[in-house]
All heavy atoms as atom14 arrays in JSON, in Angstrom:
{
  "sequence": "SLTALLFSGPLSERLVQHWRSFCSYMGSRTPFSGWKAFWYR",
  "atom14_mask": [
    [1, 1, 1, 1, 1, 1, 0, 0, 0, 0, 0, 0, 0, 0],
    [1, 1, 1, 1, 1, 1, 1, 1, 0, 0, 0, 0, 0, 0],
    [1, 1, 1, 1, 1, 1, 1, 0, 0, 0, 0, 0, 0, 0],
    [1, 1, 1, 1, 1, 0, 0, 0, 0, 0, 0, 0, 0, 0],
    [1, 1, 1, 1, 1, 1, 1, 1, 0, 0, 0, 0, 0, 0],
    [1, 1, 1, 1, 1, 1, 1, 1, 0, 0, 0, 0, 0, 0],
    [1, 1, 1, 1, 1, 1, 1, 1, 1, 1, 1, 0, 0, 0],
    [1, 1, 1, 1, 1, 1, 0, 0, 0, 0, 0, 0, 0, 0],
    [1, 1, 1, 1, 0, 0, 0, 0, 0, 0, 0, 0, 0, 0],
    [1, 1, 1, 1, 1, 1, 1, 0, 0, 0, 0, 0, 0, 0],
    [1, 1, 1, 1, 1, 1, 1, 1, 0, 0, 0, 0, 0, 0],
    [1, 1, 1, 1, 1, 1, 0, 0, 0, 0, 0, 0, 0, 0],
    [1, 1, 1, 1, 1, 1, 1, 1, 1, 0, 0, 0, 0, 0],
    [1, 1, 1, 1, 1, 1, 1, 1, 1, 1, 1, 0, 0, 0],
    [1, 1, 1, 1, 1, 1, 1, 1, 0, 0, 0, 0, 0, 0],
    [1, 1, 1, 1, 1, 1, 1, 0, 0, 0, 0, 0, 0, 0],
    [1, 1, 1, 1, 1, 1, 1, 1, 1, 0, 0, 0, 0, 0],
    [1, 1, 1, 1, 1, 1, 1, 1, 1, 1, 0, 0, 0, 0],
    [1, 1, 1, 1, 1, 1, 1, 1, 1, 1, 1, 1, 1, 1],
    [1, 1, 1, 1, 1, 1, 1, 1, 1, 1, 1, 0, 0, 0],
    [1, 1, 1, 1, 1, 1, 0, 0, 0, 0, 0, 0, 0, 0],
    [1, 1, 1, 1, 1, 1, 1, 1, 1, 1, 1, 0, 0, 0],
    [1, 1, 1, 1, 1, 1, 0, 0, 0, 0, 0, 0, 0, 0],
    [1, 1, 1, 1, 1, 1, 0, 0, 0, 0, 0, 0, 0, 0],
    [1, 1, 1, 1, 1, 1, 1, 1, 1, 1, 1, 1, 0, 0],
    [1, 1, 1, 1, 1, 1, 1, 1, 0, 0, 0, 0, 0, 0],
    [1, 1, 1, 1, 0, 0, 0, 0, 0, 0, 0, 0, 0, 0],
    [1, 1, 1, 1, 1, 1, 0, 0, 0, 0, 0, 0, 0, 0],
    [1, 1, 1, 1, 1, 1, 1, 1, 1, 1, 1, 0, 0, 0],
    [1, 1, 1, 1, 1, 1, 1, 0, 0, 0, 0, 0, 0, 0],
    [1, 1, 1, 1, 1, 1, 1, 0, 0, 0, 0, 0, 0, 0],
    [1, 1, 1, 1, 1, 1, 1, 1, 1, 1, 1, 0, 0, 0],
    [1, 1, 1, 1, 1, 1, 0, 0, 0, 0, 0, 0, 0, 0],
    [1, 1, 1, 1, 0, 0, 0, 0, 0, 0, 0, 0, 0, 0],
    [1, 1, 1, 1, 1, 1, 1, 1, 1, 1, 1, 1, 1, 1],
    [1, 1, 1, 1, 1, 1, 1, 1, 1, 0, 0, 0, 0, 0],
    [1, 1, 1, 1, 1, 0, 0, 0, 0, 0, 0, 0, 0, 0],
    [1, 1, 1, 1, 1, 1, 1, 1, 1, 1, 1, 0, 0, 0],
    [1, 1, 1, 1, 1, 1, 1, 1, 1, 1, 1, 1, 1, 1],
    [1, 1, 1, 1, 1, 1, 1, 1, 1, 1, 1, 1, 0, 0],
    [1, 1, 1, 1, 1, 1, 1, 1, 1, 1, 1, 0, 0, 0]
  ],
  "atom14_positions": [
    [[-54.74, -16.38, -4.24], [-53.4, -16.03, -3.88], [-53.45, -15.06, -2.67], [-54.05, -13.99, -2.8], [-52.66, -15.36, -5.08], [-51.5, -14.63, -4.59], [0.0, 0.0, 0.0], [0.0, 0.0, 0.0], [0.0, 0.0, 0.0], [0.0, 0.0, 0.0], [0.0, 0.0, 0.0], [0.0, 0.0, 0.0], [0.0, 0.0, 0.0], [0.0, 0.0, 0.0]],
    [[-52.92, -15.45, -1.53], [-53.03, -14.56, -0.39], [-52.3, -13.26, -0.63], [-52.77, -12.22, -0.2], [-52.35, -15.29, 0.81], [-52.4, -14.53, 2.18], [-53.83, -14.18, 2.54], [-51.72, -15.32, 3.28], [0.0, 0.0, 0.0], [0.0, 0.0, 0.0], [0.0, 0.0, 0.0], [0.0, 0.0, 0.0], [0.0, 0.0, 0.0], [0.0, 0.0, 0.0]],
    [[-51.14, -13.31, -1.26], [-50.45, -12.08, -1.63], [-51.34, -11.12, -2.46], [-51.41, -9.97, -2.21], [-49.15, -12.36, -2.32], [-48.34, -13.19, -1.48], [-48.34, -11.11, -2.6], [0.0, 0.0, 0.0], [0.0, 0.0, 0.0], [0.0, 0.0, 0.0], [0.0, 0.0, 0.0], [0.0, 0.0, 0.0], [0.0, 0.0, 0.0], [0.0, 0.0, 0.0]],
    [[-51.9, -11.76, -3.47], [-52.77, -10.95, -4.4], [-53.92, -10.38, -3.66], [-54.36, -9.26, -3.87], [-53.25, -11.72, -5.62], [0.0, 0.0, 0.0], [0.0, 0.0, 0.0], [0.0, 0.0, 0.0], [0.0, 0.0, 0.0], [0.0, 0.0, 0.0], [0.0, 0.0, 0.0], [0.0, 0.0, 0.0], [0.0, 0.0, 0.0], [0.0, 0.0, 0.0]],
    [[-54.53, -11.17, -2.74], [-55.66, -10.76, -1.94], [-55.37, -9.52, -1.12], [-56.1, -8.58, -1.01], [-56.13, -11.92, -1.01], [-57.4, -11.66, -0.2], [-58.6, -11.51, -1.06], [-57.58, -12.77, 0.83], [0.0, 0.0, 0.0], [0.0, 0.0, 0.0], [0.0, 0.0, 0.0], [0.0, 0.0, 0.0], [0.0, 0.0, 0.0], [0.0, 0.0, 0.0]],
    [[-54.13, -9.47, -0.47], [-53.76, -8.4, 0.36], [-53.27, -7.12, -0.38], [-53.37, -6.01, 0.12], [-52.64, -8.81, 1.34], [-53.12, -9.86, 2.41], [-51.92, -10.44, 3.14], [-54.12, -9.25, 3.36], [0.0, 0.0, 0.0], [0.0, 0.0, 0.0], [0.0, 0.0, 0.0], [0.0, 0.0, 0.0], [0.0, 0.0, 0.0], [0.0, 0.0, 0.0]],
    [[-52.74, -7.38, -1.54], [-52.12, -6.21, -2.29], [-52.85, -5.95, -3.61], [-52.24, -5.49, -4.6], [-50.65, -6.52, -2.52], [-49.84, -6.65, -1.28], [-49.53, -7.86, -0.77], [-49.36, -5.54, -0.64], [-48.8, -8.07, 0.4], [-48.63, -5.68, 0.53], [-48.33, -6.89, 1.03], [0.0, 0.0, 0.0], [0.0, 0.0, 0.0], [0.0, 0.0, 0.0]],
    [[-54.15, -6.14, -3.61], [-54.9, -5.94, -4.84], [-55.7, -4.61, -4.86], [-56.29, -4.28, -5.88], [-55.95, -7.1, -4.96], [-56.92, -7.03, -4.0], [0.0, 0.0, 0.0], [0.0, 0.0, 0.0], [0.0, 0.0, 0.0], [0.0, 0.0, 0.0], [0.0, 0.0, 0.0], [0.0, 0.0, 0.0], [0.0, 0.0, 0.0], [0.0, 0.0, 0.0]],
    [[-55.66, -3.92, -3.78], [-56.48, -2.67, -3.69], [-55.8, -1.46, -4.29], [-54.82, -1.51, -5.04], [0.0, 0.0, 0.0], [0.0, 0.0, 0.0], [0.0, 0.0, 0.0], [0.0, 0.0, 0.0], [0.0, 0.0, 0.0], [0.0, 0.0, 0.0], [0.0, 0.0, 0.0], [0.0, 0.0, 0.0], [0.0, 0.0, 0.0], [0.0, 0.0, 0.0]],
    [[-56.37, -0.29, -4.02], [-55.81, 0.95, -4.55], [-54.41, 1.14, -4.04], [-53.97, 0.5, -3.02], [-56.71, 1.98, -4.0], [-58.05, 1.3, -3.64], [-57.6, -0.07, -3.26], [0.0, 0.0, 0.0], [0.0, 0.0, 0.0], [0.0, 0.0, 0.0], [0.0, 0.0, 0.0], [0.0, 0.0, 0.0], [0.0, 0.0, 0.0], [0.0, 0.0, 0.0]],
    [[-53.64, 1.99, -4.66], [-52.25, 2.19, -4.35], [-52.08, 2.61, -2.84], [-51.19, 2.1, -2.21], [-51.62, 3.25, -5.24], [-50.19, 3.68, -4.94], [-49.25, 2.47, -5.1], [-49.76, 4.76, -5.82], [0.0, 0.0, 0.0], [0.0, 0.0, 0.0], [0.0, 0.0, 0.0], [0.0, 0.0, 0.0], [0.0, 0.0, 0.0], [0.0, 0.0, 0.0]],
    [[-52.94, 3.48, -2.34], [-52.87, 3.87, -1.0], [-52.97, 2.68, -0.03], [-52.21, 2.62, 0.99], [-53.89, 4.93, -0.68], [-55.23, 4.37, -0.9], [0.0, 0.0, 0.0], [0.0, 0.0, 0.0], [0.0, 0.0, 0.0], [0.0, 0.0, 0.0], [0.0, 0.0, 0.0], [0.0, 0.0, 0.0], [0.0, 0.0, 0.0], [0.0, 0.0, 0.0]],
    [[-53.89, 1.75, -0.25], [-54.06, 0.62, 0.53], [-52.86, -0.33, 0.44], [-52.42, -0.92, 1.46], [-55.32, -0.15, 0.2], [-56.61, 0.6, 0.49], [-57.81, -0.24, 0.22], [-57.68, -1.46, -0.1], [-58.95, 0.26, 0.34], [0.0, 0.0, 0.0], [0.0, 0.0, 0.0], [0.0, 0.0, 0.0], [0.0, 0.0, 0.0], [0.0, 0.0, 0.0]],
    [[-52.29, -0.47, -0.74], [-51.16, -1.34, -0.89], [-49.93, -0.78, -0.18], [-49.16, -1.55, 0.47], [-50.77, -1.53, -2.36], [-51.86, -2.23, -3.16], [-51.39, -2.82, -4.46], [-50.74, -1.85, -5.37], [-51.39, -1.06, -6.32], [-52.68, -1.28, -6.38], [-50.76, -0.28, -7.06], [0.0, 0.0, 0.0], [0.0, 0.0, 0.0], [0.0, 0.0, 0.0]],
    [[-49.77, 0.53, -0.19], [-48.65, 1.16, 0.55], [-48.77, 0.96, 2.05], [-47.82, 0.72, 2.76], [-48.58, 2.66, 0.17], [-48.11, 2.98, -1.22], [-48.25, 4.49, -1.48], [-46.71, 2.48, -1.46], [0.0, 0.0, 0.0], [0.0, 0.0, 0.0], [0.0, 0.0, 0.0], [0.0, 0.0, 0.0], [0.0, 0.0, 0.0], [0.0, 0.0, 0.0]],
    [[-50.01, 1.09, 2.56], [-50.25, 0.88, 3.97], [-49.96, -0.58, 4.33], [-49.31, -0.83, 5.4], [-51.71, 1.2, 4.34], [-52.07, 0.74, 5.78], [-51.98, 2.71, 4.24], [0.0, 0.0, 0.0], [0.0, 0.0, 0.0], [0.0, 0.0, 0.0], [0.0, 0.0, 0.0], [0.0, 0.0, 0.0], [0.0, 0.0, 0.0], [0.0, 0.0, 0.0]],
    [[-50.38, -1.54, 3.54], [-50.06, -2.88, 3.82], [-48.59, -3.22, 3.76], [-48.07, -3.88, 4.62], [-50.76, -3.8, 2.78], [-50.61, -5.3, 3.07], [-51.28, -5.68, 4.39], [-52.42, -5.33, 4.66], [-50.54, -6.49, 5.15], [0.0, 0.0, 0.0], [0.0, 0.0, 0.0], [0.0, 0.0, 0.0], [0.0, 0.0, 0.0], [0.0, 0.0, 0.0]],
    [[-47.82, -2.64, 2.83], [-46.39, -2.78, 2.78], [-45.76, -2.15, 4.05], [-44.82, -2.75, 4.6], [-45.84, -2.1, 1.53], [-45.98, -2.92, 0.28], [-45.34, -4.13, 0.15], [-46.65, -2.67, -0.89], [-45.62, -4.61, -1.09], [-46.43, -3.73, -1.66], [0.0, 0.0, 0.0], [0.0, 0.0, 0.0], [0.0, 0.0, 0.0], [0.0, 0.0, 0.0]],
    [[-46.19, -1.03, 4.5], [-45.64, -0.36, 5.65], [-45.92, -1.25, 6.94], [-44.98, -1.42, 7.67], [-46.3, 1.0, 5.86], [-45.97, 1.68, 7.17], [-46.79, 1.91, 8.2], [-44.66, 2.19, 7.51], [-46.13, 2.49, 9.25], [-44.8, 2.7, 8.81], [-43.37, 2.25, 6.93], [-43.75, 3.27, 9.55], [-42.36, 2.81, 7.54], [-42.49, 3.34, 8.87]],
    [[-47.1, -1.81, 7.02], [-47.41, -2.69, 8.16], [-46.5, -3.87, 8.19], [-46.0, -4.31, 9.19], [-48.85, -3.06, 8.15], [-49.8, -1.96, 8.59], [-51.25, -2.44, 8.51], [-52.14, -1.42, 9.05], [-53.37, -1.3, 8.64], [-53.91, -2.07, 7.7], [-54.19, -0.32, 9.17], [0.0, 0.0, 0.0], [0.0, 0.0, 0.0], [0.0, 0.0, 0.0]],
    [[-46.38, -4.49, 6.98], [-45.48, -5.67, 6.89], [-44.04, -5.34, 7.25], [-43.35, -6.05, 7.9], [-45.61, -6.23, 5.46], [-46.93, -6.78, 5.24], [0.0, 0.0, 0.0], [0.0, 0.0, 0.0], [0.0, 0.0, 0.0], [0.0, 0.0, 0.0], [0.0, 0.0, 0.0], [0.0, 0.0, 0.0], [0.0, 0.0, 0.0], [0.0, 0.0, 0.0]],
    [[-43.56, -4.18, 6.71], [-42.2, -3.75, 7.0], [-41.95, -3.55, 8.57], [-41.02, -4.02, 9.14], [-41.92, -2.52, 6.31], [-40.61, -1.83, 6.67], [-39.35, -2.37, 6.19], [-40.55, -0.72, 7.5], [-38.19, -1.79, 6.59], [-39.36, -0.11, 7.89], [-38.14, -0.69, 7.46], [0.0, 0.0, 0.0], [0.0, 0.0, 0.0], [0.0, 0.0, 0.0]],
    [[-42.92, -2.86, 9.16], [-42.79, -2.54, 10.57], [-42.86, -3.84, 11.43], [-42.16, -4.03, 12.37], [-43.9, -1.61, 11.05], [-43.71, 0.07, 10.38], [0.0, 0.0, 0.0], [0.0, 0.0, 0.0], [0.0, 0.0, 0.0], [0.0, 0.0, 0.0], [0.0, 0.0, 0.0], [0.0, 0.0, 0.0], [0.0, 0.0, 0.0], [0.0, 0.0, 0.0]],
    [[-43.67, -4.76, 11.0], [-43.85, -6.01, 11.69], [-42.57, -6.82, 11.56], [-42.08, -7.5, 12.51], [-44.99, -6.86, 11.09], [-46.2, -6.2, 11.37], [0.0, 0.0, 0.0], [0.0, 0.0, 0.0], [0.0, 0.0, 0.0], [0.0, 0.0, 0.0], [0.0, 0.0, 0.0], [0.0, 0.0, 0.0], [0.0, 0.0, 0.0], [0.0, 0.0, 0.0]],
    [[-41.95, -6.8, 10.36], [-40.74, -7.52, 10.14], [-39.6, -6.93, 11.03], [-38.82, -7.64, 11.66], [-40.33, -7.39, 8.63], [-38.89, -7.94, 8.39], [-38.71, -9.33, 8.31], [-37.81, -7.09, 8.26], [-37.44, -9.82, 8.07], [-36.52, -7.57, 8.08], [-36.32, -9.0, 7.93], [-35.1, -9.47, 7.72], [0.0, 0.0, 0.0], [0.0, 0.0, 0.0]],
    [[-39.5, -5.58, 11.13], [-38.54, -4.97, 11.93], [-38.71, -5.33, 13.42], [-37.83, -5.62, 14.16], [-38.56, -3.48, 11.76], [-38.23, -2.95, 10.38], [-36.51, -3.4, 9.94], [-35.55, -2.38, 11.01], [0.0, 0.0, 0.0], [0.0, 0.0, 0.0], [0.0, 0.0, 0.0], [0.0, 0.0, 0.0], [0.0, 0.0, 0.0], [0.0, 0.0, 0.0]],
    [[-40.01, -5.39, 13.82], [-40.35, -5.79, 15.17], [-39.87, -7.22, 15.5], [-39.4, -7.54, 16.59], [0.0, 0.0, 0.0], [0.0, 0.0, 0.0], [0.0, 0.0, 0.0], [0.0, 0.0, 0.0], [0.0, 0.0, 0.0], [0.0, 0.0, 0.0], [0.0, 0.0, 0.0], [0.0, 0.0, 0.0], [0.0, 0.0, 0.0], [0.0, 0.0, 0.0]],
    [[-40.05, -8.12, 14.55], [-39.71, -9.45, 14.7], [-38.16, -9.71, 14.77], [-37.7, -10.61, 15.42], [-40.25, -10.32, 13.58], [-39.61, -10.08, 12.34], [0.0, 0.0, 0.0], [0.0, 0.0, 0.0], [0.0, 0.0, 0.0], [0.0, 0.0, 0.0], [0.0, 0.0, 0.0], [0.0, 0.0, 0.0], [0.0, 0.0, 0.0], [0.0, 0.0, 0.0]],
    [[-37.39, -8.75, 14.13], [-35.91, -8.97, 14.12], [-35.18, -8.44, 15.27], [-34.12, -8.98, 15.61], [-35.42, -8.33, 12.79], [-35.99, -8.83, 11.54], [-35.83, -10.31, 11.34], [-34.45, -10.69, 11.2], [-34.02, -12.01, 11.1], [-34.93, -12.98, 11.16], [-32.76, -12.26, 10.93], [0.0, 0.0, 0.0], [0.0, 0.0, 0.0], [0.0, 0.0, 0.0]],
    [[-35.7, -7.44, 15.91], [-34.96, -6.8, 17.02], [-35.2, -7.67, 18.3], [-36.3, -8.14, 18.6], [-35.39, -5.44, 17.37], [-34.73, -4.84, 18.46], [-36.88, -5.28, 17.62], [0.0, 0.0, 0.0], [0.0, 0.0, 0.0], [0.0, 0.0, 0.0], [0.0, 0.0, 0.0], [0.0, 0.0, 0.0], [0.0, 0.0, 0.0], [0.0, 0.0, 0.0]],
    [[-34.12, -7.88, 19.11], [-34.27, -8.67, 20.35], [-34.78, -7.85, 21.57], [-35.04, -8.43, 22.64], [-32.86, -9.22, 20.61], [-32.01, -8.1, 20.05], [-32.72, -7.57, 18.85], [0.0, 0.0, 0.0], [0.0, 0.0, 0.0], [0.0, 0.0, 0.0], [0.0, 0.0, 0.0], [0.0, 0.0, 0.0], [0.0, 0.0, 0.0], [0.0, 0.0, 0.0]],
    [[-34.82, -6.51, 21.48], [-35.13, -5.65, 22.57], [-36.6, -5.39, 22.67], [-37.29, -4.99, 21.69], [-34.32, -4.35, 22.42], [-32.89, -4.61, 22.23], [-32.23, -4.27, 21.09], [-32.1, -5.24, 23.26], [-30.89, -4.49, 20.86], [-30.73, -5.42, 23.09], [-30.16, -5.06, 21.88], [0.0, 0.0, 0.0], [0.0, 0.0, 0.0], [0.0, 0.0, 0.0]],
    [[-37.14, -5.52, 23.84], [-38.6, -5.31, 24.05], [-39.08, -3.94, 23.67], [-40.12, -3.79, 23.0], [-38.93, -5.58, 25.55], [-40.32, -5.39, 25.77], [0.0, 0.0, 0.0], [0.0, 0.0, 0.0], [0.0, 0.0, 0.0], [0.0, 0.0, 0.0], [0.0, 0.0, 0.0], [0.0, 0.0, 0.0], [0.0, 0.0, 0.0], [0.0, 0.0, 0.0]],
    [[-38.34, -2.89, 24.05], [-38.71, -1.53, 23.73], [-38.76, -1.27, 22.27], [-39.69, -0.61, 21.73], [0.0, 0.0, 0.0], [0.0, 0.0, 0.0], [0.0, 0.0, 0.0], [0.0, 0.0, 0.0], [0.0, 0.0, 0.0], [0.0, 0.0, 0.0], [0.0, 0.0, 0.0], [0.0, 0.0, 0.0], [0.0, 0.0, 0.0], [0.0, 0.0, 0.0]],
    [[-37.82, -1.76, 21.48], [-37.79, -1.63, 20.07], [-38.94, -2.45, 19.42], [-39.51, -2.0, 18.46], [-36.43, -2.0, 19.5], [-35.43, -0.91, 19.65], [-34.48, -0.83, 20.5], [-35.42, 0.29, 18.81], [-33.69, 0.34, 20.33], [-34.29, 1.08, 19.32], [-36.15, 0.79, 17.8], [-33.95, 2.27, 18.8], [-35.82, 2.08, 17.29], [-34.73, 2.78, 17.79]],
    [[-39.2, -3.63, 19.95], [-40.32, -4.42, 19.43], [-41.67, -3.59, 19.57], [-42.44, -3.55, 18.64], [-40.41, -5.75, 20.12], [-39.38, -6.83, 19.67], [-39.59, -8.12, 20.42], [-38.75, -9.16, 19.89], [-39.02, -9.62, 18.51], [0.0, 0.0, 0.0], [0.0, 0.0, 0.0], [0.0, 0.0, 0.0], [0.0, 0.0, 0.0], [0.0, 0.0, 0.0]],
    [[-41.81, -3.07, 20.71], [-43.06, -2.22, 21.0], [-43.1, -1.08, 20.0], [-44.16, -0.75, 19.48], [-43.1, -1.82, 22.43], [0.0, 0.0, 0.0], [0.0, 0.0, 0.0], [0.0, 0.0, 0.0], [0.0, 0.0, 0.0], [0.0, 0.0, 0.0], [0.0, 0.0, 0.0], [0.0, 0.0, 0.0], [0.0, 0.0, 0.0], [0.0, 0.0, 0.0]],
    [[-41.99, -0.42, 19.81], [-41.86, 0.72, 18.9], [-42.36, 0.32, 17.49], [-43.21, 0.97, 16.91], [-40.44, 1.24, 18.87], [-40.2, 2.36, 17.83], [-40.4, 3.71, 18.13], [-39.75, 1.96, 16.55], [-40.23, 4.63, 17.17], [-39.5, 2.97, 15.6], [-39.73, 4.31, 15.89], [0.0, 0.0, 0.0], [0.0, 0.0, 0.0], [0.0, 0.0, 0.0]],
    [[-41.81, -0.74, 16.98], [-42.13, -1.13, 15.59], [-43.54, -1.7, 15.5], [-44.27, -1.39, 14.5], [-41.12, -2.1, 15.04], [-39.8, -1.49, 14.7], [-38.63, -1.66, 15.29], [-39.59, -0.57, 13.6], [-37.68, -0.88, 14.63], [-38.24, -0.24, 13.63], [-40.44, -0.04, 12.59], [-37.71, 0.7, 12.71], [-39.92, 0.86, 11.68], [-38.53, 1.13, 11.74]],
    [[-43.98, -2.5, 16.49], [-45.27, -3.12, 16.32], [-46.37, -2.09, 16.54], [-47.53, -2.18, 15.94], [-45.45, -4.23, 17.35], [-44.77, -5.5, 16.94], [-43.91, -6.2, 17.73], [-45.04, -6.05, 15.69], [-43.3, -7.41, 17.33], [-44.45, -7.24, 15.26], [-43.56, -7.89, 16.08], [-42.95, -9.07, 15.61], [0.0, 0.0, 0.0], [0.0, 0.0, 0.0]],
    [[-46.14, -1.06, 17.29], [-47.18, -0.01, 17.39], [-47.37, 0.65, 15.99], [-48.44, 1.0, 15.57], [-46.79, 1.03, 18.42], [-47.11, 0.66, 19.85], [-47.02, 1.83, 20.79], [-47.48, 1.5, 22.14], [-46.67, 1.16, 23.17], [-45.38, 1.14, 22.98], [-47.22, 0.85, 24.37], [0.0, 0.0, 0.0], [0.0, 0.0, 0.0], [0.0, 0.0, 0.0]]
  ]
}
């Protein structure tokens, strides 16, 4: 399970993975280049 593979570690690692996914999602949704750069960084 890819989801299980990515979110199977210690709580700190799972939180980092959730944060990265959240920021990537926000970057994908905004149409503005500056905001995309902000979230993807």
